[in-house]
Amino acid sequence: MPLHLEIVTPESKTFEGEVESVVLPTQEGELGVLPGHVGLLAQLEPGELVVQQGGQMLHLAVGAGFIEVCNDRVAVLTDMAIREDDIDESAAEEAMRRAEEAMRSEKLHGEEHATVQASLQKSLAQLKVKRRRSAV
């Protein structure tokens, strides 16, 4: 019996379908989910999400969010989910450069710092997925 995977961002439903497995980045490390996995809730970290579907691997860059596994269903709620083919490497590099510059600024406080840090993590996740797959 396959898993039903749903990946949702504030903008759209990025993915929905039956899959053999999914590997998700969490605070504790990578979490692999196969059919029959025990139910859980976990925090999603920015990084690479890997889906195995029909013998093919699909790679996505994801941002922060939450994961729910229940009864062979995996729900991923995240602020970013971009398929590898849709990642613009030069735009991600530019966003990373701007975020790093802003982090060096002493004018950031509290929420501004957290927002820039999140932007940096999303850019790094995109670059990691794009470059890892390009090197293979």
N, C-alpha and C. Protein backbone atom coordinates (compact mmCIF):
# COMPACT_ATOMS: atom_id res chain seq x y z
N MET A 1 0.84 -1.18 0.00
CA MET A 1 0.00 0.00 0.00
C MET A 1 0.89 1.25 0.00
N PRO A 2 0.70 2.15 -0.94
CA PRO A 2 1.54 3.35 -1.00
C PRO A 2 1.12 4.40 0.03
N LEU A 3 1.98 5.39 0.16
CA LEU A 3 1.69 6.56 1.00
C LEU A 3 0.97 7.60 0.16
N HIS A 4 0.09 8.35 0.80
CA HIS A 4 -0.50 9.51 0.13
C HIS A 4 0.23 10.74 0.68
N LEU A 5 0.91 11.46 -0.21
CA LEU A 5 1.69 12.63 0.19
C LEU A 5 1.02 13.89 -0.32
N GLU A 6 0.95 14.88 0.57
CA GLU A 6 0.41 16.19 0.21
C GLU A 6 1.37 17.25 0.75
N ILE A 7 1.84 18.13 -0.14
CA ILE A 7 2.73 19.23 0.25
C ILE A 7 2.01 20.53 -0.07
N VAL A 8 1.78 21.34 0.98
CA VAL A 8 0.99 22.56 0.84
C VAL A 8 1.81 23.76 1.33
N THR A 9 1.80 24.82 0.53
CA THR A 9 2.40 26.10 0.91
C THR A 9 1.27 27.13 1.01
N PRO A 10 1.54 28.32 1.52
CA PRO A 10 0.49 29.34 1.55
C PRO A 10 -0.04 29.70 0.16
N GLU A 11 0.79 29.51 -0.87
CA GLU A 11 0.39 29.88 -2.22
C GLU A 11 -0.36 28.79 -2.96
N SER A 12 0.00 27.52 -2.71
CA SER A 12 -0.60 26.45 -3.52
C SER A 12 -0.34 25.07 -2.92
N LYS A 13 -0.99 24.09 -3.51
CA LYS A 13 -0.71 22.70 -3.21
C LYS A 13 0.39 22.30 -4.20
N THR A 14 1.60 22.14 -3.70
CA THR A 14 2.75 21.88 -4.55
C THR A 14 2.79 20.45 -5.08
N PHE A 15 2.32 19.52 -4.27
CA PHE A 15 2.35 18.11 -4.66
C PHE A 15 1.23 17.37 -3.95
N GLU A 16 0.60 16.46 -4.69
CA GLU A 16 -0.34 15.53 -4.08
C GLU A 16 -0.34 14.26 -4.91
N GLY A 17 -0.13 13.12 -4.25
CA GLY A 17 -0.14 11.87 -4.98
C GLY A 17 0.31 10.69 -4.14
N GLU A 18 0.24 9.52 -4.75
CA GLU A 18 0.66 8.29 -4.11
C GLU A 18 2.16 8.12 -4.36
N VAL A 19 2.91 7.81 -3.29
CA VAL A 19 4.35 7.66 -3.38
C VAL A 19 4.79 6.40 -2.63
N GLU A 20 6.00 5.92 -2.96
CA GLU A 20 6.55 4.77 -2.26
C GLU A 20 7.20 5.19 -0.94
N SER A 21 7.86 6.35 -0.96
CA SER A 21 8.53 6.84 0.26
C SER A 21 8.78 8.34 0.14
N VAL A 22 9.09 8.93 1.29
CA VAL A 22 9.47 10.34 1.33
C VAL A 22 10.50 10.51 2.44
N VAL A 23 11.52 11.33 2.15
CA VAL A 23 12.55 11.66 3.13
C VAL A 23 12.47 13.16 3.38
N LEU A 24 12.33 13.53 4.66
CA LEU A 24 12.07 14.92 5.05
C LEU A 24 13.15 15.44 5.99
N PRO A 25 13.56 16.71 5.84
CA PRO A 25 14.52 17.28 6.79
C PRO A 25 13.80 17.76 8.06
N THR A 26 14.26 17.29 9.22
CA THR A 26 13.66 17.70 10.49
C THR A 26 14.76 18.21 11.42
N GLN A 27 14.36 18.72 12.58
CA GLN A 27 15.33 19.19 13.57
C GLN A 27 16.24 18.06 14.03
N GLU A 28 15.74 16.84 14.05
CA GLU A 28 16.51 15.70 14.53
C GLU A 28 17.33 15.04 13.42
N GLY A 29 17.22 15.50 12.19
CA GLY A 29 17.91 14.91 11.04
C GLY A 29 16.89 14.49 9.99
N GLU A 30 17.34 13.70 9.03
CA GLU A 30 16.45 13.26 7.98
C GLU A 30 15.49 12.18 8.50
N LEU A 31 14.23 12.30 8.11
CA LEU A 31 13.20 11.36 8.52
C LEU A 31 12.68 10.65 7.28
N GLY A 32 12.88 9.34 7.22
CA GLY A 32 12.36 8.55 6.12
C GLY A 32 11.01 7.95 6.50
N VAL A 33 10.04 8.08 5.61
CA VAL A 33 8.69 7.57 5.87
C VAL A 33 8.32 6.59 4.77
N LEU A 34 7.95 5.38 5.19
CA LEU A 34 7.48 4.32 4.31
C LEU A 34 6.05 3.95 4.71
N PRO A 35 5.32 3.22 3.85
CA PRO A 35 3.99 2.78 4.26
C PRO A 35 4.04 2.02 5.58
N GLY A 36 3.04 2.25 6.42
CA GLY A 36 2.99 1.60 7.73
C GLY A 36 3.74 2.34 8.81
N HIS A 37 4.28 3.51 8.50
CA HIS A 37 5.02 4.29 9.50
C HIS A 37 4.11 4.68 10.65
N VAL A 38 4.65 4.70 11.83
CA VAL A 38 3.90 5.12 13.01
C VAL A 38 3.50 6.60 12.86
N GLY A 39 2.35 6.96 13.40
CA GLY A 39 1.89 8.34 13.34
C GLY A 39 2.80 9.26 14.12
N LEU A 40 2.98 10.47 13.61
CA LEU A 40 3.82 11.46 14.30
C LEU A 40 3.56 12.85 13.79
N LEU A 41 3.97 13.81 14.60
CA LEU A 41 4.03 15.22 14.21
C LEU A 41 5.48 15.64 14.39
N ALA A 42 6.02 16.38 13.43
CA ALA A 42 7.41 16.83 13.52
C ALA A 42 7.55 18.20 12.89
N GLN A 43 8.61 18.88 13.27
CA GLN A 43 8.90 20.19 12.70
C GLN A 43 9.79 20.02 11.48
N LEU A 44 9.39 20.59 10.36
CA LEU A 44 10.15 20.55 9.12
C LEU A 44 11.20 21.66 9.15
N GLU A 45 12.41 21.32 8.77
CA GLU A 45 13.49 22.30 8.69
C GLU A 45 13.78 22.62 7.22
N PRO A 46 14.31 23.79 6.91
CA PRO A 46 14.69 24.07 5.52
C PRO A 46 15.72 23.05 5.04
N GLY A 47 15.53 22.55 3.83
CA GLY A 47 16.45 21.57 3.28
C GLY A 47 15.85 20.87 2.07
N GLU A 48 16.30 19.63 1.87
CA GLU A 48 15.88 18.85 0.70
C GLU A 48 14.86 17.79 1.10
N LEU A 49 13.74 17.76 0.40
CA LEU A 49 12.72 16.74 0.57
C LEU A 49 12.80 15.84 -0.66
N VAL A 50 12.87 14.53 -0.44
CA VAL A 50 13.02 13.58 -1.55
C VAL A 50 11.82 12.64 -1.57
N VAL A 51 11.18 12.55 -2.72
CA VAL A 51 10.01 11.71 -2.92
C VAL A 51 10.37 10.60 -3.91
N GLN A 52 10.02 9.36 -3.57
CA GLN A 52 10.15 8.27 -4.53
C GLN A 52 8.76 7.92 -5.01
N GLN A 53 8.57 8.07 -6.32
CA GLN A 53 7.25 7.84 -6.92
C GLN A 53 7.44 7.12 -8.25
N GLY A 54 6.85 5.95 -8.39
CA GLY A 54 6.94 5.21 -9.64
C GLY A 54 8.38 4.89 -10.03
N GLY A 55 9.23 4.64 -9.06
CA GLY A 55 10.63 4.33 -9.33
C GLY A 55 11.49 5.54 -9.63
N GLN A 56 10.89 6.71 -9.68
CA GLN A 56 11.62 7.96 -9.95
C GLN A 56 11.79 8.75 -8.65
N MET A 57 12.85 9.54 -8.58
CA MET A 57 13.10 10.39 -7.42
C MET A 57 12.77 11.84 -7.79
N LEU A 58 12.01 12.49 -6.93
CA LEU A 58 11.67 13.90 -7.09
C LEU A 58 12.29 14.65 -5.93
N HIS A 59 13.05 15.71 -6.24
CA HIS A 59 13.75 16.48 -5.22
C HIS A 59 13.14 17.88 -5.15
N LEU A 60 12.85 18.31 -3.90
CA LEU A 60 12.31 19.65 -3.69
C LEU A 60 13.10 20.36 -2.60
N ALA A 61 13.24 21.66 -2.74
CA ALA A 61 13.78 22.49 -1.67
C ALA A 61 12.59 22.95 -0.85
N VAL A 62 12.65 22.75 0.47
CA VAL A 62 11.54 23.14 1.33
C VAL A 62 12.02 24.10 2.41
N GLY A 63 11.09 24.90 2.90
CA GLY A 63 11.37 25.80 4.00
C GLY A 63 10.88 25.20 5.31
N ALA A 64 10.75 26.03 6.30
CA ALA A 64 10.29 25.59 7.61
C ALA A 64 8.80 25.24 7.55
N GLY A 65 8.38 24.36 8.47
CA GLY A 65 6.98 23.99 8.51
C GLY A 65 6.73 22.82 9.43
N PHE A 66 5.69 22.06 9.11
CA PHE A 66 5.29 20.94 9.96
C PHE A 66 4.97 19.72 9.10
N ILE A 67 5.15 18.55 9.71
CA ILE A 67 4.89 17.27 9.07
C ILE A 67 3.91 16.49 9.95
N GLU A 68 2.90 15.90 9.31
CA GLU A 68 2.02 14.99 10.03
C GLU A 68 1.98 13.67 9.27
N VAL A 69 2.25 12.57 9.97
CA VAL A 69 2.15 11.23 9.41
C VAL A 69 1.04 10.51 10.17
N CYS A 70 0.05 10.01 9.42
CA CYS A 70 -1.09 9.33 10.05
C CYS A 70 -1.76 8.43 9.03
N ASN A 71 -1.85 7.12 9.36
CA ASN A 71 -2.57 6.17 8.51
C ASN A 71 -2.13 6.20 7.04
N ASP A 72 -0.84 6.06 6.79
CA ASP A 72 -0.29 6.06 5.44
C ASP A 72 -0.58 7.34 4.67
N ARG A 73 -0.73 8.44 5.39
CA ARG A 73 -0.88 9.77 4.80
C ARG A 73 0.20 10.66 5.39
N VAL A 74 0.86 11.42 4.53
CA VAL A 74 1.88 12.37 4.99
C VAL A 74 1.45 13.75 4.51
N ALA A 75 1.26 14.65 5.46
CA ALA A 75 0.91 16.04 5.14
C ALA A 75 2.09 16.92 5.52
N VAL A 76 2.53 17.74 4.57
CA VAL A 76 3.63 18.67 4.79
C VAL A 76 3.09 20.08 4.59
N LEU A 77 3.15 20.88 5.64
CA LEU A 77 2.75 22.29 5.57
C LEU A 77 4.03 23.10 5.69
N THR A 78 4.36 23.87 4.68
CA THR A 78 5.63 24.59 4.65
C THR A 78 5.48 25.96 4.00
N ASP A 79 6.41 26.83 4.31
CA ASP A 79 6.36 28.17 3.72
C ASP A 79 7.01 28.22 2.34
N MET A 80 7.67 27.12 1.92
CA MET A 80 8.30 27.06 0.59
C MET A 80 8.45 25.61 0.16
N ALA A 81 8.12 25.32 -1.07
CA ALA A 81 8.38 24.00 -1.66
C ALA A 81 8.58 24.22 -3.16
N ILE A 82 9.82 24.03 -3.60
CA ILE A 82 10.17 24.29 -5.00
C ILE A 82 10.82 23.04 -5.58
N ARG A 83 10.27 22.56 -6.69
CA ARG A 83 10.88 21.42 -7.37
C ARG A 83 12.24 21.81 -7.92
N GLU A 84 13.13 20.84 -7.94
CA GLU A 84 14.50 21.09 -8.39
C GLU A 84 14.55 21.82 -9.74
N ASP A 85 13.74 21.40 -10.69
CA ASP A 85 13.76 22.00 -12.02
C ASP A 85 13.30 23.45 -12.03
N ASP A 86 12.56 23.86 -11.01
CA ASP A 86 12.02 25.22 -10.95
C ASP A 86 12.92 26.18 -10.16
N ILE A 87 14.02 25.68 -9.60
CA ILE A 87 14.91 26.53 -8.81
C ILE A 87 15.76 27.39 -9.75
N ASP A 88 15.74 28.68 -9.52
CA ASP A 88 16.58 29.63 -10.25
C ASP A 88 17.85 29.85 -9.42
N GLU A 89 18.93 29.21 -9.83
CA GLU A 89 20.16 29.24 -9.04
C GLU A 89 20.70 30.66 -8.87
N SER A 90 20.66 31.47 -9.92
CA SER A 90 21.21 32.83 -9.80
C SER A 90 20.34 33.68 -8.87
N ALA A 91 19.03 33.51 -8.90
CA ALA A 91 18.15 34.26 -7.99
C ALA A 91 18.39 33.83 -6.55
N ALA A 92 18.59 32.53 -6.32
CA ALA A 92 18.86 32.03 -4.97
C ALA A 92 20.20 32.56 -4.45
N GLU A 93 21.20 32.60 -5.33
CA GLU A 93 22.51 33.15 -4.94
C GLU A 93 22.39 34.62 -4.55
N GLU A 94 21.62 35.39 -5.34
CA GLU A 94 21.44 36.81 -5.06
C GLU A 94 20.69 37.01 -3.74
N ALA A 95 19.65 36.22 -3.51
CA ALA A 95 18.89 36.31 -2.25
C ALA A 95 19.79 35.95 -1.07
N MET A 96 20.66 34.97 -1.24
CA MET A 96 21.58 34.58 -0.18
C MET A 96 22.56 35.72 0.11
N ARG A 97 23.07 36.34 -0.96
CA ARG A 97 24.02 37.46 -0.79
C ARG A 97 23.36 38.62 -0.03
N ARG A 98 22.12 38.96 -0.41
CA ARG A 98 21.41 40.05 0.26
C ARG A 98 21.15 39.71 1.73
N ALA A 99 20.77 38.48 2.00
CA ALA A 99 20.50 38.07 3.38
C ALA A 99 21.78 38.10 4.21
N GLU A 100 22.89 37.64 3.64
CA GLU A 100 24.16 37.67 4.37
C GLU A 100 24.58 39.11 4.68
N GLU A 101 24.38 40.01 3.70
CA GLU A 101 24.69 41.42 3.93
C GLU A 101 23.84 41.99 5.06
N ALA A 102 22.57 41.68 5.02
CA ALA A 102 21.65 42.18 6.06
C ALA A 102 22.01 41.62 7.43
N MET A 103 22.46 40.35 7.47
CA MET A 103 22.85 39.74 8.75
C MET A 103 24.06 40.44 9.36
N ARG A 104 24.94 40.93 8.50
CA ARG A 104 26.13 41.65 8.99
C ARG A 104 25.78 43.04 9.52
N SER A 105 24.63 43.54 9.10
CA SER A 105 24.19 44.85 9.54
C SER A 105 23.82 44.79 11.02
N GLU A 106 24.19 45.81 11.74
CA GLU A 106 23.86 45.87 13.16
C GLU A 106 22.49 46.50 13.40
N LYS A 107 21.78 46.80 12.33
CA LYS A 107 20.49 47.47 12.46
C LYS A 107 19.32 46.49 12.61
N LEU A 108 19.57 45.20 12.46
CA LEU A 108 18.50 44.22 12.57
C LEU A 108 18.21 43.89 14.03
N HIS A 109 16.93 43.84 14.35
CA HIS A 109 16.53 43.52 15.71
C HIS A 109 15.36 42.55 15.69
N GLY A 110 15.35 41.62 16.61
CA GLY A 110 14.22 40.73 16.84
C GLY A 110 13.65 40.08 15.60
N GLU A 111 12.43 40.49 15.26
CA GLU A 111 11.70 39.88 14.16
C GLU A 111 12.40 40.08 12.82
N GLU A 112 13.02 41.24 12.61
CA GLU A 112 13.75 41.48 11.36
C GLU A 112 14.87 40.47 11.19
N HIS A 113 15.59 40.22 12.27
CA HIS A 113 16.70 39.26 12.23
C HIS A 113 16.17 37.86 11.90
N ALA A 114 15.07 37.46 12.50
CA ALA A 114 14.48 36.14 12.26
C ALA A 114 14.01 36.01 10.80
N THR A 115 13.45 37.08 10.25
CA THR A 115 12.98 37.07 8.87
C THR A 115 14.15 36.91 7.90
N VAL A 116 15.22 37.64 8.13
CA VAL A 116 16.40 37.55 7.27
C VAL A 116 17.04 36.17 7.40
N GLN A 117 17.09 35.65 8.63
CA GLN A 117 17.66 34.31 8.86
C GLN A 117 16.85 33.26 8.10
N ALA A 118 15.53 33.36 8.12
CA ALA A 118 14.67 32.42 7.39
C ALA A 118 14.91 32.52 5.89
N SER A 119 15.07 33.74 5.39
CA SER A 119 15.35 33.94 3.97
C SER A 119 16.67 33.30 3.58
N LEU A 120 17.67 33.46 4.42
CA LEU A 120 18.98 32.85 4.17
C LEU A 120 18.85 31.32 4.14
N GLN A 121 18.13 30.74 5.08
CA GLN A 121 17.97 29.29 5.13
C GLN A 121 17.24 28.76 3.89
N LYS A 122 16.24 29.49 3.41
CA LYS A 122 15.52 29.07 2.21
C LYS A 122 16.44 29.11 0.99
N SER A 123 17.23 30.16 0.88
CA SER A 123 18.16 30.28 -0.25
C SER A 123 19.19 29.16 -0.21
N LEU A 124 19.72 28.86 0.96
CA LEU A 124 20.69 27.78 1.10
C LEU A 124 20.08 26.43 0.74
N ALA A 125 18.83 26.21 1.13
CA ALA A 125 18.15 24.96 0.79
C ALA A 125 18.01 24.82 -0.72
N GLN A 126 17.63 25.90 -1.40
CA GLN A 126 17.49 25.85 -2.85
C GLN A 126 18.82 25.55 -3.52
N LEU A 127 19.87 26.22 -3.08
CA LEU A 127 21.18 26.01 -3.67
C LEU A 127 21.68 24.60 -3.41
N LYS A 128 21.44 24.07 -2.23
CA LYS A 128 21.85 22.71 -1.90
C LYS A 128 21.20 21.70 -2.84
N VAL A 129 19.89 21.82 -3.04
CA VAL A 129 19.17 20.89 -3.92
C VAL A 129 19.66 21.04 -5.36
N LYS A 130 19.75 22.25 -5.84
CA LYS A 130 20.14 22.49 -7.24
C LYS A 130 21.56 22.01 -7.49
N ARG A 131 22.49 22.34 -6.61
CA ARG A 131 23.90 21.98 -6.82
C ARG A 131 24.16 20.51 -6.59
N ARG A 132 23.51 19.89 -5.65
CA ARG A 132 23.71 18.47 -5.39
C ARG A 132 23.24 17.67 -6.60
N ARG A 133 22.11 18.03 -7.14
CA ARG A 133 21.58 17.30 -8.28
C ARG A 133 22.41 17.58 -9.54
N SER A 134 22.96 18.78 -9.68
CA SER A 134 23.78 19.13 -10.84
C SER A 134 25.10 18.37 -10.83
N ALA A 135 25.61 18.08 -9.63
CA ALA A 135 26.90 17.41 -9.51
C ALA A 135 26.80 15.92 -9.76
N VAL A 136 25.57 15.37 -9.72
CA VAL A 136 25.39 13.92 -9.89
C VAL A 136 25.42 13.54 -11.35
